[in-house]
Amino acid sequence: MTLLQTDCPLCGGPNACAVAAGADAGSCWCHQATFSAALLARVPEDQRGQVCICARCAALAERLASQGGDRHLG
């Protein structure tokens, strides 16, 4: 599957990436978010460092982690 930089690699939805939209990286929502190693490991290897996880998937992963869940997203 080919994703745009504006697509979440986990769910395929919009990731609201400021950089992909041409804005300064520091203005991106993700600079205020925490991404666990387990969540980042779910990103397909060929897309790591290329596309951003969306806020929905990040929040879901955080909620599942806080509940002791280890389900896959997307």
C-alpha atoms as a PDB file:
ATOM      1  CA  MET A   1       0.000   0.000   0.000  1.00  0.00           C
ATOM      2  CA  THR A   2       1.317   3.437  -0.891  1.00  0.00           C
ATOM      3  CA  LEU A   3       0.548   6.170   1.606  1.00  0.00           C
ATOM      4  CA  LEU A   4       0.926   9.899   1.287  1.00  0.00           C
ATOM      5  CA  GLN A   5       2.857  11.778   3.957  1.00  0.00           C
ATOM      6  CA  THR A   6      -0.521  13.061   5.126  1.00  0.00           C
ATOM      7  CA  ASP A   7      -1.813   9.516   5.836  1.00  0.00           C
ATOM      8  CA  CYS A   8      -1.394   7.608   9.094  1.00  0.00           C
ATOM      9  CA  PRO A   9       0.587   4.401   8.470  1.00  0.00           C
ATOM     10  CA  LEU A  10      -1.581   2.517  10.975  1.00  0.00           C
ATOM     11  CA  CYS A  11      -5.150   3.424  10.007  1.00  0.00           C
ATOM     12  CA  GLY A  12      -4.693   5.237   6.678  1.00  0.00           C
ATOM     13  CA  GLY A  13      -6.590   8.275   7.951  1.00  0.00           C
ATOM     14  CA  PRO A  14      -5.314  11.863   7.894  1.00  0.00           C
ATOM     15  CA  ASN A  15      -2.413  12.429  10.295  1.00  0.00           C
ATOM     16  CA  ALA A  16      -2.589  16.258  10.418  1.00  0.00           C
ATOM     17  CA  CYS A  17       1.180  16.478   9.912  1.00  0.00           C
ATOM     18  CA  ALA A  18       2.294  20.109   9.889  1.00  0.00           C
ATOM     19  CA  VAL A  19       5.483  19.265   7.991  1.00  0.00           C
ATOM     20  CA  ALA A  20       3.562  17.482   5.218  1.00  0.00           C
ATOM     21  CA  ALA A  21       1.340  20.572   5.006  1.00  0.00           C
ATOM     22  CA  GLY A  22       4.409  22.792   4.581  1.00  0.00           C
ATOM     23  CA  ALA A  23       4.461  24.273   8.091  1.00  0.00           C
ATOM     24  CA  ASP A  24       7.272  24.395  10.629  1.00  0.00           C
ATOM     25  CA  ALA A  25       7.906  21.057  12.365  1.00  0.00           C
ATOM     26  CA  GLY A  26       7.705  22.711  15.781  1.00  0.00           C
ATOM     27  CA  SER A  27       4.089  23.660  15.147  1.00  0.00           C
ATOM     28  CA  CYS A  28       3.006  20.048  14.652  1.00  0.00           C
ATOM     29  CA  TRP A  29       0.679  18.459  17.208  1.00  0.00           C
ATOM     30  CA  CYS A  30       3.047  15.515  17.516  1.00  0.00           C
ATOM     31  CA  HIS A  31       5.657  17.585  19.332  1.00  0.00           C
ATOM     32  CA  GLN A  32       3.286  17.598  22.315  1.00  0.00           C
ATOM     33  CA  ALA A  33       2.492  13.866  22.054  1.00  0.00           C
ATOM     34  CA  THR A  34       4.221  10.794  23.435  1.00  0.00           C
ATOM     35  CA  PHE A  35       4.752   7.766  21.221  1.00  0.00           C
ATOM     36  CA  SER A  36       5.705   4.508  22.922  1.00  0.00           C
ATOM     37  CA  ALA A  37       8.301   2.224  21.401  1.00  0.00           C
ATOM     38  CA  ALA A  38       5.556  -0.403  21.012  1.00  0.00           C
ATOM     39  CA  LEU A  39       3.413   2.012  18.999  1.00  0.00           C
ATOM     40  CA  LEU A  40       6.298   3.074  16.770  1.00  0.00           C
ATOM     41  CA  ALA A  41       7.165  -0.592  16.184  1.00  0.00           C
ATOM     42  CA  ARG A  42       3.709  -1.050  14.615  1.00  0.00           C
ATOM     43  CA  VAL A  43       4.638   1.293  11.762  1.00  0.00           C
ATOM     44  CA  PRO A  44       5.682  -0.766   8.727  1.00  0.00           C
ATOM     45  CA  GLU A  45       9.473  -0.746   8.477  1.00  0.00           C
ATOM     46  CA  ASP A  46       9.544   0.880   5.032  1.00  0.00           C
ATOM     47  CA  GLN A  47       7.432   3.797   6.331  1.00  0.00           C
ATOM     48  CA  ARG A  48       9.318   4.505   9.573  1.00  0.00           C
ATOM     49  CA  GLY A  49      10.587   8.043   9.636  1.00  0.00           C
ATOM     50  CA  GLN A  50       8.609   8.801   6.470  1.00  0.00           C
ATOM     51  CA  VAL A  51       4.993   9.205   7.617  1.00  0.00           C
ATOM     52  CA  CYS A  52       3.402  10.272  10.911  1.00  0.00           C
ATOM     53  CA  ILE A  53       0.985   8.400  13.128  1.00  0.00           C
ATOM     54  CA  CYS A  54      -2.325  10.248  13.554  1.00  0.00           C
ATOM     55  CA  ALA A  55      -3.539  11.687  16.857  1.00  0.00           C
ATOM     56  CA  ARG A  56      -6.399   9.173  16.957  1.00  0.00           C
ATOM     57  CA  CYS A  57      -4.055   6.167  16.799  1.00  0.00           C
ATOM     58  CA  ALA A  58      -1.638   7.778  19.276  1.00  0.00           C
ATOM     59  CA  ALA A  59      -4.464   8.434  21.753  1.00  0.00           C
ATOM     60  CA  LEU A  60      -5.896   4.946  21.298  1.00  0.00           C
ATOM     61  CA  ALA A  61      -2.493   3.360  21.908  1.00  0.00           C
ATOM     62  CA  GLU A  62      -1.999   5.456  25.049  1.00  0.00           C
ATOM     63  CA  ARG A  63      -5.457   4.503  26.332  1.00  0.00           C
ATOM     64  CA  LEU A  64      -4.886   0.792  25.641  1.00  0.00           C
ATOM     65  CA  ALA A  65      -1.464   0.916  27.308  1.00  0.00           C
ATOM     66  CA  SER A  66      -2.947   2.539  30.402  1.00  0.00           C
ATOM     67  CA  GLN A  67      -5.533  -0.275  30.533  1.00  0.00           C
ATOM     68  CA  GLY A  68      -2.858  -2.939  30.074  1.00  0.00           C
ATOM     69  CA  GLY A  69      -4.030  -3.739  26.543  1.00  0.00           C
ATOM     70  CA  ASP A  70      -1.695  -4.711  23.742  1.00  0.00           C
ATOM     71  CA  ARG A  71      -3.970  -4.793  20.711  1.00  0.00           C
ATOM     72  CA  HIS A  72      -2.938  -3.820  17.215  1.00  0.00           C
ATOM     73  CA  LEU A  73      -4.209  -0.562  15.764  1.00  0.00           C
ATOM     74  CA  GLY A  74      -5.406   0.167  12.287  1.00  0.00           C
END
